[in-house]
Amino acid sequence: MIRFAVVGIDHGHIFDHVKGLTRAGAEFVGYCPKTSVPGLVEQFAKTYPDAPQIDRETLLADESIDVICTAAIPRDRAGVAIAAMRAGKDVITDKPGVTTFEQLDQVRQTVAETGRIFSVCFTERLCVRSAVKAGKLIAEGAIGRVIQTLGTGPHRLGGSRPDWFWQRDAFGGIIVDIASHQIDQFLFYTGSSAAEVVAAQVANFANPQAPEFEDFGDLMLRSDRASGYVRVDWFTPDGLPTWGDGRLTILGTEGYIELRKYIDIAGREGKDHLFLVNKSGVEHIDCSGEELDYFRDFIADVRDRTETAMTQAHVYEVCRLSLEAQAKAVTISQG
């Protein structure tokens, strides 16, 4: 049985990692309680009362542990991953897996030297059932060849945030932090192995008290197969009964798919709504029962040393494009 532990509980996505791996048959053996968000660790302890709290170095030194999961402060995730890989463990990290080009180079070098797996869990595709279903429909030819994606990732700023949330070096910029989700989706759904950043822009429209923060970003991507547009922001209104109205439209040569991932505003109840439009007509598909394959496939990759959950090349390209778009982004003036 594959055994895993957690080092870095600074974002709620860590719950997706633990839930996904345990459901796929892995054994959760413990976690390091160090955090910048005490309430998150309290919730974690209540959710997993039987999991022991163990310090980071002890977990890394335990040769019986196969995998380390991390959702540490974004700037620290690469460091955790590198230490884990050098300790002989494979890694699942929350996005963004890296926040600088230097970190990306260090991760590449560590993977090459150790032969370990560095996987970024892009939850908006891998942990969203409608997104998984969309991939299967595309593979079946339901909309022909995909030629464009239009992805939006709105978020709610909400209540209190840790200090690092507002610090540019800590979160990496809004494109690195959030838009990596949509960049991952562009490459995956279009079948592109590489792409270029056509244009990008960022802004801080409504948070002057935090001058390093960015509450808006968008970008355009182009590959040899398709084009893509991404918009991310922190402007979800309080009246929306979920954290963000995340959507994705996938245009094919013979139809299109729209995902309303978390809510169908003023429409159907629940989440994971998929709308398929092609020569056969218009169809709404409830994807709430769709199986999430990523964690099962990742466990198989750990066991068999394969790349079925996600290729290493894909991870690197998403990270590279995110960093490049952030670096190229023009800041929209407030004047």
C-alpha atoms as a PDB file:
ATOM      1  CA  MET A   1       0.000   0.000   0.000  1.00  0.00           C
ATOM      2  CA  ILE A   2       1.188   3.514  -0.822  1.00  0.00           C
ATOM      3  CA  ARG A   3       1.747   5.590   2.341  1.00  0.00           C
ATOM      4  CA  PHE A   4       1.624   9.392   2.366  1.00  0.00           C
ATOM      5  CA  ALA A   5       2.013  12.318   4.740  1.00  0.00           C
ATOM      6  CA  VAL A   6       1.333  16.075   4.687  1.00  0.00           C
ATOM      7  CA  VAL A   7       3.884  18.854   5.133  1.00  0.00           C
ATOM      8  CA  GLY A   8       2.372  22.314   4.684  1.00  0.00           C
ATOM      9  CA  ILE A   9      -1.204  23.139   5.703  1.00  0.00           C
ATOM     10  CA  ASP A  10      -1.636  26.752   4.588  1.00  0.00           C
ATOM     11  CA  HIS A  11      -4.424  26.320   2.021  1.00  0.00           C
ATOM     12  CA  GLY A  12      -7.655  24.339   2.064  1.00  0.00           C
ATOM     13  CA  HIS A  13      -6.744  22.419  -1.094  1.00  0.00           C
ATOM     14  CA  ILE A  14      -4.783  20.053   1.144  1.00  0.00           C
ATOM     15  CA  PHE A  15      -8.113  18.461   2.070  1.00  0.00           C
ATOM     16  CA  ASP A  16      -8.588  17.499  -1.604  1.00  0.00           C
ATOM     17  CA  HIS A  17      -5.210  15.756  -1.607  1.00  0.00           C
ATOM     18  CA  VAL A  18      -5.887  13.713   1.514  1.00  0.00           C
ATOM     19  CA  LYS A  19      -9.451  12.844   0.547  1.00  0.00           C
ATOM     20  CA  GLY A  20      -8.441  11.895  -2.986  1.00  0.00           C
ATOM     21  CA  LEU A  21      -5.504   9.702  -2.001  1.00  0.00           C
ATOM     22  CA  THR A  22      -7.333   7.901   0.816  1.00  0.00           C
ATOM     23  CA  ARG A  23     -10.326   7.201  -1.416  1.00  0.00           C
ATOM     24  CA  ALA A  24      -7.923   5.782  -3.992  1.00  0.00           C
ATOM     25  CA  GLY A  25      -6.533   3.362  -1.426  1.00  0.00           C
ATOM     26  CA  ALA A  26      -3.450   5.104  -0.002  1.00  0.00           C
ATOM     27  CA  GLU A  27      -2.710   5.202   3.734  1.00  0.00           C
ATOM     28  CA  PHE A  28      -2.535   8.600   5.483  1.00  0.00           C
ATOM     29  CA  VAL A  29       0.180   8.268   8.136  1.00  0.00           C
ATOM     30  CA  GLY A  30       0.508  11.769   9.607  1.00  0.00           C
ATOM     31  CA  TYR A  31       1.068  15.482   9.134  1.00  0.00           C
ATOM     32  CA  CYS A  32       3.242  18.337  10.300  1.00  0.00           C
ATOM     33  CA  PRO A  33       1.014  20.845  12.159  1.00  0.00           C
ATOM     34  CA  LYS A  34       3.172  23.903  11.383  1.00  0.00           C
ATOM     35  CA  THR A  35       0.970  26.489   9.645  1.00  0.00           C
ATOM     36  CA  SER A  36       0.298  30.159   9.028  1.00  0.00           C
ATOM     37  CA  VAL A  37      -3.456  29.515   9.349  1.00  0.00           C
ATOM     38  CA  PRO A  38      -4.136  27.932  12.784  1.00  0.00           C
ATOM     39  CA  GLY A  39      -7.838  27.523  12.091  1.00  0.00           C
ATOM     40  CA  LEU A  40      -7.014  25.344   9.100  1.00  0.00           C
ATOM     41  CA  VAL A  41      -4.968  22.933  11.202  1.00  0.00           C
ATOM     42  CA  GLU A  42      -7.744  22.822  13.795  1.00  0.00           C
ATOM     43  CA  GLN A  43     -10.191  21.847  11.056  1.00  0.00           C
ATOM     44  CA  PHE A  44      -7.686  19.333   9.705  1.00  0.00           C
ATOM     45  CA  ALA A  45      -7.293  17.724  13.139  1.00  0.00           C
ATOM     46  CA  LYS A  46     -11.065  17.419  13.518  1.00  0.00           C
ATOM     47  CA  THR A  47     -11.411  15.899  10.048  1.00  0.00           C
ATOM     48  CA  TYR A  48      -8.578  13.395  10.579  1.00  0.00           C
ATOM     49  CA  PRO A  49      -8.511  12.745  14.363  1.00  0.00           C
ATOM     50  CA  ASP A  50      -6.623   9.470  13.985  1.00  0.00           C
ATOM     51  CA  ALA A  51      -3.742  10.970  11.998  1.00  0.00           C
ATOM     52  CA  PRO A  52      -0.755  11.762  14.249  1.00  0.00           C
ATOM     53  CA  GLN A  53       0.977  15.136  14.274  1.00  0.00           C
ATOM     54  CA  ILE A  54       4.651  14.583  13.410  1.00  0.00           C
ATOM     55  CA  ASP A  55       7.372  17.142  12.732  1.00  0.00           C
ATOM     56  CA  ARG A  56       8.532  17.713   9.169  1.00  0.00           C
ATOM     57  CA  GLU A  57      12.029  16.257   9.493  1.00  0.00           C
ATOM     58  CA  THR A  58      10.734  13.031  11.010  1.00  0.00           C
ATOM     59  CA  LEU A  59       8.246  12.614   8.167  1.00  0.00           C
ATOM     60  CA  LEU A  60      10.911  13.246   5.540  1.00  0.00           C
ATOM     61  CA  ALA A  61      13.287  10.787   7.198  1.00  0.00           C
ATOM     62  CA  ASP A  62      10.691   8.003   7.379  1.00  0.00           C
ATOM     63  CA  GLU A  63      11.631   5.616   4.580  1.00  0.00           C
ATOM     64  CA  SER A  64       8.239   3.909   4.746  1.00  0.00           C
ATOM     65  CA  ILE A  65       6.495   7.053   3.456  1.00  0.00           C
ATOM     66  CA  ASP A  66       6.165   7.107  -0.337  1.00  0.00           C
ATOM     67  CA  VAL A  67       4.488  10.477  -0.976  1.00  0.00           C
ATOM     68  CA  ILE A  68       4.496  13.953   0.533  1.00  0.00           C
ATOM     69  CA  CYS A  69       1.552  16.299  -0.102  1.00  0.00           C
ATOM     70  CA  THR A  70       1.936  20.026   0.431  1.00  0.00           C
ATOM     71  CA  ALA A  71      -0.216  23.143   0.380  1.00  0.00           C
ATOM     72  CA  ALA A  72       2.341  25.309   2.145  1.00  0.00           C
ATOM     73  CA  ILE A  73       2.656  29.058   1.544  1.00  0.00           C
ATOM     74  CA  PRO A  74       3.126  29.228  -2.260  1.00  0.00           C
ATOM     75  CA  ARG A  75       6.732  30.495  -2.103  1.00  0.00           C
ATOM     76  CA  ASP A  76       7.628  27.517   0.144  1.00  0.00           C
ATOM     77  CA  ARG A  77       6.072  24.711  -1.894  1.00  0.00           C
ATOM     78  CA  ALA A  78       9.034  24.136  -4.185  1.00  0.00           C
ATOM     79  CA  GLY A  79      11.343  23.915  -1.173  1.00  0.00           C
ATOM     80  CA  VAL A  80       9.144  21.336   0.513  1.00  0.00           C
ATOM     81  CA  ALA A  81       8.913  19.355  -2.727  1.00  0.00           C
ATOM     82  CA  ILE A  82      12.669  19.408  -3.316  1.00  0.00           C
ATOM     83  CA  ALA A  83      13.410  18.266   0.238  1.00  0.00           C
ATOM     84  CA  ALA A  84      10.855  15.471  -0.111  1.00  0.00           C
ATOM     85  CA  MET A  85      12.209  14.295  -3.459  1.00  0.00           C
ATOM     86  CA  ARG A  86      15.776  14.302  -2.125  1.00  0.00           C
ATOM     87  CA  ALA A  87      14.452  12.154   0.718  1.00  0.00           C
ATOM     88  CA  GLY A  88      13.233   9.610  -1.852  1.00  0.00           C
ATOM     89  CA  LYS A  89       9.565  10.597  -1.965  1.00  0.00           C
ATOM     90  CA  ASP A  90       7.178  11.550  -4.734  1.00  0.00           C
ATOM     91  CA  VAL A  91       5.258  14.808  -4.358  1.00  0.00           C
ATOM     92  CA  ILE A  92       1.799  16.258  -4.873  1.00  0.00           C
ATOM     93  CA  THR A  93       1.770  20.013  -4.419  1.00  0.00           C
ATOM     94  CA  ASP A  94      -1.048  22.488  -4.547  1.00  0.00           C
ATOM     95  CA  LYS A  95      -0.858  25.071  -7.311  1.00  0.00           C
ATOM     96  CA  PRO A  96       1.273  27.039  -7.857  1.00  0.00           C
ATOM     97  CA  GLY A  97       4.043  24.493  -7.513  1.00  0.00           C
ATOM     98  CA  VAL A  98       6.636  27.221  -8.013  1.00  0.00           C
ATOM     99  CA  THR A  99       6.600  31.015  -7.763  1.00  0.00           C
ATOM    100  CA  THR A 100       9.906  31.878  -9.511  1.00  0.00           C
ATOM    101  CA  PHE A 101      11.899  30.713 -12.528  1.00  0.00           C
ATOM    102  CA  GLU A 102      14.738  29.803 -10.174  1.00  0.00           C
ATOM    103  CA  GLN A 103      12.456  27.443  -8.274  1.00  0.00           C
ATOM    104  CA  LEU A 104      11.328  25.844 -11.529  1.00  0.00           C
ATOM    105  CA  ASP A 105      14.949  25.227 -12.531  1.00  0.00           C
ATOM    106  CA  GLN A 106      15.683  23.717  -9.108  1.00  0.00           C
ATOM    107  CA  VAL A 107      12.656  21.422  -9.327  1.00  0.00           C
ATOM    108  CA  ARG A 108      13.641  20.273 -12.828  1.00  0.00           C
ATOM    109  CA  GLN A 109      17.154  19.512 -11.645  1.00  0.00           C
ATOM    110  CA  THR A 110      15.923  17.625  -8.582  1.00  0.00           C
ATOM    111  CA  VAL A 111      13.518  15.485 -10.615  1.00  0.00           C
ATOM    112  CA  ALA A 112      16.308  14.692 -13.097  1.00  0.00           C
ATOM    113  CA  GLU A 113      18.715  13.729 -10.306  1.00  0.00           C
ATOM    114  CA  THR A 114      16.304  11.752  -8.129  1.00  0.00           C
ATOM    115  CA  GLY A 115      13.830  10.262 -10.590  1.00  0.00           C
ATOM    116  CA  ARG A 116      10.969  11.258  -8.287  1.00  0.00           C
ATOM    117  CA  ILE A 117       7.552  12.581  -9.376  1.00  0.00           C
ATOM    118  CA  PHE A 118       6.699  16.284  -8.993  1.00  0.00           C
ATOM    119  CA  SER A 119       2.960  16.594  -9.606  1.00  0.00           C
ATOM    120  CA  VAL A 120       0.860  19.745  -9.239  1.00  0.00           C
ATOM    121  CA  CYS A 121      -2.766  19.046  -8.341  1.00  0.00           C
ATOM    122  CA  PHE A 122      -4.683  21.546 -10.471  1.00  0.00           C
ATOM    123  CA  THR A 123      -7.913  21.118  -8.550  1.00  0.00           C
ATOM    124  CA  GLU A 124     -10.113  23.075 -10.986  1.00  0.00           C
ATOM    125  CA  ARG A 125      -9.587  20.306 -13.547  1.00  0.00           C
ATOM    126  CA  LEU A 126      -8.539  17.249 -11.565  1.00  0.00           C
ATOM    127  CA  CYS A 127     -10.987  17.607  -8.652  1.00  0.00           C
ATOM    128  CA  VAL A 128     -13.986  18.943 -10.608  1.00  0.00           C
ATOM    129  CA  ARG A 129     -16.204  16.195 -11.973  1.00  0.00           C
ATOM    130  CA  SER A 130     -17.582  18.224 -14.866  1.00  0.00           C
ATOM    131  CA  ALA A 131     -14.011  19.022 -15.966  1.00  0.00           C
ATOM    132  CA  VAL A 132     -13.149  15.317 -15.930  1.00  0.00           C
ATOM    133  CA  LYS A 133     -16.261  14.537 -17.994  1.00  0.00           C
ATOM    134  CA  ALA A 134     -15.354  17.249 -20.495  1.00  0.00           C
ATOM    135  CA  GLY A 135     -12.006  15.579 -21.097  1.00  0.00           C
ATOM    136  CA  LYS A 136     -13.707  12.265 -21.821  1.00  0.00           C
ATOM    137  CA  LEU A 137     -16.229  13.844 -24.211  1.00  0.00           C
ATOM    138  CA  ILE A 138     -13.445  15.572 -26.114  1.00  0.00           C
ATOM    139  CA  ALA A 139     -11.484  12.319 -26.352  1.00  0.00           C
ATOM    140  CA  GLU A 140     -14.607  10.702 -27.829  1.00  0.00           C
ATOM    141  CA  GLY A 141     -14.816  13.407 -30.510  1.00  0.00           C
ATOM    142  CA  ALA A 142     -18.013  15.022 -29.205  1.00  0.00           C
ATOM    143  CA  ILE A 143     -17.032  18.514 -30.417  1.00  0.00           C
ATOM    144  CA  GLY A 144     -14.385  17.733 -33.010  1.00  0.00           C
ATOM    145  CA  ARG A 145     -10.905  19.223 -32.634  1.00  0.00           C
ATOM    146  CA  VAL A 146     -10.590  21.792 -29.854  1.00  0.00           C
ATOM    147  CA  ILE A 147      -9.431  25.141 -31.191  1.00  0.00           C
ATOM    148  CA  GLN A 148     -10.022  27.542 -28.282  1.00  0.00           C
ATOM    149  CA  THR A 149     -10.646  27.668 -24.545  1.00  0.00           C
ATOM    150  CA  LEU A 150     -12.130  30.538 -22.562  1.00  0.00           C
ATOM    151  CA  GLY A 151     -11.586  30.064 -18.846  1.00  0.00           C
ATOM    152  CA  THR A 152     -12.571  32.285 -15.931  1.00  0.00           C
ATOM    153  CA  GLY A 153     -11.521  31.876 -12.321  1.00  0.00           C
ATOM    154  CA  PRO A 154     -13.301  34.406 -10.099  1.00  0.00           C
ATOM    155  CA  HIS A 155     -12.687  34.144  -6.341  1.00  0.00           C
ATOM    156  CA  ARG A 156     -14.180  35.736  -3.237  1.00  0.00           C
ATOM    157  CA  LEU A 157     -11.806  37.753  -1.101  1.00  0.00           C
ATOM    158  CA  GLY A 158     -13.854  36.929   1.988  1.00  0.00           C
ATOM    159  CA  GLY A 159     -12.834  37.484   5.596  1.00  0.00           C
ATOM    160  CA  SER A 160      -9.457  37.466   7.302  1.00  0.00           C
ATOM    161  CA  ARG A 161      -6.380  36.363   5.384  1.00  0.00           C
ATOM    162  CA  PRO A 162      -2.865  35.560   6.614  1.00  0.00           C
ATOM    163  CA  ASP A 163      -0.231  38.261   6.110  1.00  0.00           C
ATOM    164  CA  TRP A 164       1.487  36.368   3.296  1.00  0.00           C
ATOM    165  CA  PHE A 165      -1.692  36.463   1.200  1.00  0.00           C
ATOM    166  CA  TRP A 166      -1.035  40.135   0.437  1.00  0.00           C
ATOM    167  CA  GLN A 167       2.715  39.794  -0.237  1.00  0.00           C
ATOM    168  CA  ARG A 168       3.783  39.473  -3.860  1.00  0.00           C
ATOM    169  CA  ASP A 169       6.836  37.300  -3.193  1.00  0.00           C
ATOM    170  CA  ALA A 170       4.685  34.929  -1.120  1.00  0.00           C
ATOM    171  CA  PHE A 171       1.804  34.287  -3.549  1.00  0.00           C
ATOM    172  CA  GLY A 172       3.689  34.931  -6.777  1.00  0.00           C
ATOM    173  CA  GLY A 173       1.176  37.256  -8.439  1.00  0.00           C
ATOM    174  CA  ILE A 174      -2.412  36.579  -9.446  1.00  0.00           C
ATOM    175  CA  ILE A 175      -1.527  34.852 -12.728  1.00  0.00           C
ATOM    176  CA  VAL A 176       0.930  32.463 -11.070  1.00  0.00           C
ATOM    177  CA  ASP A 177      -1.375  31.898  -8.109  1.00  0.00           C
ATOM    178  CA  ILE A 178      -4.736  31.407  -9.821  1.00  0.00           C
ATOM    179  CA  ALA A 179      -4.415  31.404 -13.618  1.00  0.00           C
ATOM    180  CA  SER A 180      -2.153  28.354 -13.554  1.00  0.00           C
ATOM    181  CA  HIS A 181      -5.463  26.445 -13.318  1.00  0.00           C
ATOM    182  CA  GLN A 182      -6.713  27.844 -16.608  1.00  0.00           C
ATOM    183  CA  ILE A 183      -3.324  27.460 -18.310  1.00  0.00           C
ATOM    184  CA  ASP A 184      -3.356  23.792 -17.319  1.00  0.00           C
ATOM    185  CA  GLN A 185      -6.834  23.453 -18.807  1.00  0.00           C
ATOM    186  CA  PHE A 186      -5.819  25.157 -22.053  1.00  0.00           C
ATOM    187  CA  LEU A 187      -2.919  22.770 -22.633  1.00  0.00           C
ATOM    188  CA  PHE A 188      -4.922  19.697 -21.625  1.00  0.00           C
ATOM    189  CA  TYR A 189      -8.134  20.274 -23.563  1.00  0.00           C
ATOM    190  CA  THR A 190      -6.415  21.537 -26.712  1.00  0.00           C
ATOM    191  CA  GLY A 191      -3.851  18.746 -26.671  1.00  0.00           C
ATOM    192  CA  SER A 192      -1.008  21.275 -26.761  1.00  0.00           C
ATOM    193  CA  SER A 193       2.422  20.264 -25.491  1.00  0.00           C
ATOM    194  CA  ALA A 194       3.680  23.862 -25.540  1.00  0.00           C
ATOM    195  CA  ALA A 195       2.349  27.387 -25.986  1.00  0.00           C
ATOM    196  CA  GLU A 196       3.327  31.037 -25.924  1.00  0.00           C
ATOM    197  CA  VAL A 197       1.999  34.011 -24.009  1.00  0.00           C
ATOM    198  CA  VAL A 198       0.539  36.518 -26.477  1.00  0.00           C
ATOM    199  CA  ALA A 199      -0.380  39.189 -23.923  1.00  0.00           C
ATOM    200  CA  ALA A 200      -1.060  39.556 -20.209  1.00  0.00           C
ATOM    201  CA  GLN A 201      -2.166  42.258 -17.798  1.00  0.00           C
ATOM    202  CA  VAL A 202      -2.773  42.635 -14.068  1.00  0.00           C
ATOM    203  CA  ALA A 203      -4.254  45.241 -11.758  1.00  0.00           C
ATOM    204  CA  ASN A 204      -5.084  46.115  -8.183  1.00  0.00           C
ATOM    205  CA  PHE A 205      -8.409  47.858  -8.628  1.00  0.00           C
ATOM    206  CA  ALA A 206      -9.922  47.703  -5.154  1.00  0.00           C
ATOM    207  CA  ASN A 207      -7.255  46.969  -2.515  1.00  0.00           C
ATOM    208  CA  PRO A 208      -5.085  50.065  -2.114  1.00  0.00           C
ATOM    209  CA  GLN A 209      -4.293  49.044   1.479  1.00  0.00           C
ATOM    210  CA  ALA A 210      -2.228  46.175   0.003  1.00  0.00           C
ATOM    211  CA  PRO A 211      -0.115  47.688  -2.798  1.00  0.00           C
ATOM    212  CA  GLU A 212       1.622  44.373  -3.635  1.00  0.00           C
ATOM    213  CA  PHE A 213      -1.689  42.556  -4.148  1.00  0.00           C
ATOM    214  CA  GLU A 214      -3.333  41.961  -7.523  1.00  0.00           C
ATOM    215  CA  ASP A 215      -7.101  41.476  -7.697  1.00  0.00           C
ATOM    216  CA  PHE A 216      -7.416  41.174 -11.498  1.00  0.00           C
ATOM    217  CA  GLY A 217      -5.476  39.460 -14.258  1.00  0.00           C
ATOM    218  CA  ASP A 218      -6.021  38.189 -17.763  1.00  0.00           C
ATOM    219  CA  LEU A 219      -3.948  36.722 -20.574  1.00  0.00           C
ATOM    220  CA  MET A 220      -4.011  35.265 -24.058  1.00  0.00           C
ATOM    221  CA  LEU A 221      -2.293  32.031 -25.052  1.00  0.00           C
ATOM    222  CA  ARG A 222      -1.444  30.535 -28.435  1.00  0.00           C
ATOM    223  CA  SER A 223      -0.130  27.118 -29.431  1.00  0.00           C
ATOM    224  CA  ASP A 224       0.355  25.472 -32.822  1.00  0.00           C
ATOM    225  CA  ARG A 225      -3.122  23.993 -32.376  1.00  0.00           C
ATOM    226  CA  ALA A 226      -5.335  26.521 -30.610  1.00  0.00           C
ATOM    227  CA  SER A 227      -5.776  29.813 -28.788  1.00  0.00           C
ATOM    228  CA  GLY A 228      -6.911  30.559 -25.266  1.00  0.00           C
ATOM    229  CA  TYR A 229      -8.168  33.396 -23.085  1.00  0.00           C
ATOM    230  CA  VAL A 230      -7.986  33.458 -19.283  1.00  0.00           C
ATOM    231  CA  ARG A 231      -9.466  35.878 -16.745  1.00  0.00           C
ATOM    232  CA  VAL A 232      -8.993  35.609 -12.985  1.00  0.00           C
ATOM    233  CA  ASP A 233     -10.074  37.980 -10.239  1.00  0.00           C
ATOM    234  CA  TRP A 234     -11.033  38.491  -6.594  1.00  0.00           C
ATOM    235  CA  PHE A 235     -14.418  40.099  -7.249  1.00  0.00           C
ATOM    236  CA  THR A 236     -16.999  37.412  -6.441  1.00  0.00           C
ATOM    237  CA  PRO A 237     -19.948  39.314  -4.871  1.00  0.00           C
ATOM    238  CA  ASP A 238     -21.078  38.407  -1.367  1.00  0.00           C
ATOM    239  CA  GLY A 239     -24.510  37.529  -2.731  1.00  0.00           C
ATOM    240  CA  LEU A 240     -23.250  34.535  -4.719  1.00  0.00           C
ATOM    241  CA  PRO A 241     -23.784  31.361  -2.639  1.00  0.00           C
ATOM    242  CA  THR A 242     -20.357  29.910  -3.483  1.00  0.00           C
ATOM    243  CA  TRP A 243     -16.766  31.181  -3.597  1.00  0.00           C
ATOM    244  CA  GLY A 244     -16.702  31.760  -7.351  1.00  0.00           C
ATOM    245  CA  ASP A 245     -18.666  31.244 -10.551  1.00  0.00           C
ATOM    246  CA  GLY A 246     -15.882  29.339 -12.295  1.00  0.00           C
ATOM    247  CA  ARG A 247     -16.628  28.652 -15.944  1.00  0.00           C
ATOM    248  CA  LEU A 248     -14.919  27.144 -18.951  1.00  0.00           C
ATOM    249  CA  THR A 249     -16.026  27.211 -22.575  1.00  0.00           C
ATOM    250  CA  ILE A 250     -14.266  24.794 -24.917  1.00  0.00           C
ATOM    251  CA  LEU A 251     -14.752  25.496 -28.627  1.00  0.00           C
ATOM    252  CA  GLY A 252     -14.346  22.669 -31.107  1.00  0.00           C
ATOM    253  CA  THR A 253     -14.672  22.423 -34.850  1.00  0.00           C
ATOM    254  CA  GLU A 254     -17.956  20.516 -34.461  1.00  0.00           C
ATOM    255  CA  GLY A 255     -19.496  21.998 -31.325  1.00  0.00           C
ATOM    256  CA  TYR A 256     -18.697  23.396 -27.908  1.00  0.00           C
ATOM    257  CA  ILE A 257     -18.829  22.540 -24.222  1.00  0.00           C
ATOM    258  CA  GLU A 258     -19.553  24.948 -21.393  1.00  0.00           C
ATOM    259  CA  LEU A 259     -18.793  24.052 -17.795  1.00  0.00           C
ATOM    260  CA  ARG A 260     -20.505  25.811 -14.918  1.00  0.00           C
ATOM    261  CA  LYS A 261     -18.343  24.175 -12.323  1.00  0.00           C
ATOM    262  CA  TYR A 262     -19.609  25.433  -8.989  1.00  0.00           C
ATOM    263  CA  ILE A 263     -23.014  26.986  -9.611  1.00  0.00           C
ATOM    264  CA  ASP A 264     -25.592  27.453 -12.382  1.00  0.00           C
ATOM    265  CA  ILE A 265     -26.742  30.940 -11.435  1.00  0.00           C
ATOM    266  CA  ALA A 266     -30.532  31.217 -11.280  1.00  0.00           C
ATOM    267  CA  GLY A 267     -30.675  27.753 -12.839  1.00  0.00           C
ATOM    268  CA  ARG A 268     -30.260  24.151 -11.750  1.00  0.00           C
ATOM    269  CA  GLU A 269     -29.316  23.261  -8.193  1.00  0.00           C
ATOM    270  CA  GLY A 270     -25.890  21.948  -7.270  1.00  0.00           C
ATOM    271  CA  LYS A 271     -22.617  22.110  -9.182  1.00  0.00           C
ATOM    272  CA  ASP A 272     -20.759  20.268 -11.962  1.00  0.00           C
ATOM    273  CA  HIS A 273     -23.069  21.326 -14.777  1.00  0.00           C
ATOM    274  CA  LEU A 274     -21.883  20.524 -18.298  1.00  0.00           C
ATOM    275  CA  PHE A 275     -23.610  21.810 -21.437  1.00  0.00           C
ATOM    276  CA  LEU A 276     -22.798  20.055 -24.699  1.00  0.00           C
ATOM    277  CA  VAL A 277     -23.784  21.628 -28.018  1.00  0.00           C
ATOM    278  CA  ASN A 278     -23.083  19.816 -31.280  1.00  0.00           C
ATOM    279  CA  LYS A 279     -24.790  18.485 -34.419  1.00  0.00           C
ATOM    280  CA  SER A 280     -27.022  16.269 -32.277  1.00  0.00           C
ATOM    281  CA  GLY A 281     -28.495  19.221 -30.389  1.00  0.00           C
ATOM    282  CA  VAL A 282     -28.178  20.739 -26.938  1.00  0.00           C
ATOM    283  CA  GLU A 283     -27.662  18.563 -23.852  1.00  0.00           C
ATOM    284  CA  HIS A 284     -27.239  19.245 -20.148  1.00  0.00           C
ATOM    285  CA  ILE A 285     -25.150  16.602 -18.364  1.00  0.00           C
ATOM    286  CA  ASP A 286     -25.142  16.250 -14.588  1.00  0.00           C
ATOM    287  CA  CYS A 287     -21.562  15.231 -13.780  1.00  0.00           C
ATOM    288  CA  SER A 288     -21.970  14.831 -10.015  1.00  0.00           C
ATOM    289  CA  GLY A 289     -21.358  11.085 -10.255  1.00  0.00           C
ATOM    290  CA  GLU A 290     -18.258  11.283 -12.445  1.00  0.00           C
ATOM    291  CA  GLU A 291     -15.202   9.520 -11.026  1.00  0.00           C
ATOM    292  CA  LEU A 292     -12.076  11.567 -10.277  1.00  0.00           C
ATOM    293  CA  ASP A 293      -9.204   9.638 -11.861  1.00  0.00           C
ATOM    294  CA  TYR A 294      -6.172  11.714 -10.901  1.00  0.00           C
ATOM    295  CA  PHE A 295      -5.414  10.264  -7.472  1.00  0.00           C
ATOM    296  CA  ARG A 296      -5.930   6.667  -8.553  1.00  0.00           C
ATOM    297  CA  ASP A 297      -3.663   7.249 -11.548  1.00  0.00           C
ATOM    298  CA  PHE A 298      -1.081   9.032  -9.401  1.00  0.00           C
ATOM    299  CA  ILE A 299      -0.887   6.053  -7.023  1.00  0.00           C
ATOM    300  CA  ALA A 300      -0.365   3.778 -10.039  1.00  0.00           C
ATOM    301  CA  ASP A 301       2.422   6.070 -11.242  1.00  0.00           C
ATOM    302  CA  VAL A 302       4.125   5.935  -7.838  1.00  0.00           C
ATOM    303  CA  ARG A 303       3.928   2.156  -7.895  1.00  0.00           C
ATOM    304  CA  ASP A 304       4.789   1.580 -11.574  1.00  0.00           C
ATOM    305  CA  ARG A 305       6.999   4.673 -12.259  1.00  0.00           C
ATOM    306  CA  THR A 306       4.738   5.775 -15.100  1.00  0.00           C
ATOM    307  CA  GLU A 307       3.135   9.120 -16.117  1.00  0.00           C
ATOM    308  CA  THR A 308      -0.562   8.377 -16.481  1.00  0.00           C
ATOM    309  CA  ALA A 309      -1.957  11.006 -14.076  1.00  0.00           C
ATOM    310  CA  MET A 310       0.017  13.870 -15.602  1.00  0.00           C
ATOM    311  CA  THR A 311       3.273  14.040 -17.519  1.00  0.00           C
ATOM    312  CA  GLN A 312       6.222  15.838 -15.988  1.00  0.00           C
ATOM    313  CA  ALA A 313       6.555  17.848 -19.194  1.00  0.00           C
ATOM    314  CA  HIS A 314       2.990  19.138 -18.780  1.00  0.00           C
ATOM    315  CA  VAL A 315       3.682  20.268 -15.212  1.00  0.00           C
ATOM    316  CA  TYR A 316       6.801  22.145 -16.300  1.00  0.00           C
ATOM    317  CA  GLU A 317       5.031  23.849 -19.193  1.00  0.00           C
ATOM    318  CA  VAL A 318       2.133  25.058 -17.035  1.00  0.00           C
ATOM    319  CA  CYS A 319       4.621  26.439 -14.521  1.00  0.00           C
ATOM    320  CA  ARG A 320       6.720  28.084 -17.222  1.00  0.00           C
ATOM    321  CA  LEU A 321       3.753  29.727 -18.943  1.00  0.00           C
ATOM    322  CA  SER A 322       2.362  30.972 -15.617  1.00  0.00           C
ATOM    323  CA  LEU A 323       5.689  32.558 -14.688  1.00  0.00           C
ATOM    324  CA  GLU A 324       6.188  34.031 -18.151  1.00  0.00           C
ATOM    325  CA  ALA A 325       2.690  35.527 -18.278  1.00  0.00           C
ATOM    326  CA  GLN A 326       3.181  37.038 -14.827  1.00  0.00           C
ATOM    327  CA  ALA A 327       6.551  38.477 -15.821  1.00  0.00           C
ATOM    328  CA  LYS A 328       5.180  39.926 -19.077  1.00  0.00           C
ATOM    329  CA  ALA A 329       1.994  41.314 -17.565  1.00  0.00           C
ATOM    330  CA  VAL A 330       1.355  45.008 -18.073  1.00  0.00           C
ATOM    331  CA  THR A 331      -0.005  46.710 -14.974  1.00  0.00           C
ATOM    332  CA  ILE A 332      -3.230  48.588 -15.643  1.00  0.00           C
ATOM    333  CA  SER A 333      -2.844  52.089 -14.285  1.00  0.00           C
ATOM    334  CA  GLN A 334      -5.226  53.330 -11.624  1.00  0.00           C
ATOM    335  CA  GLY A 335      -4.880  56.899 -12.826  1.00  0.00           C
END
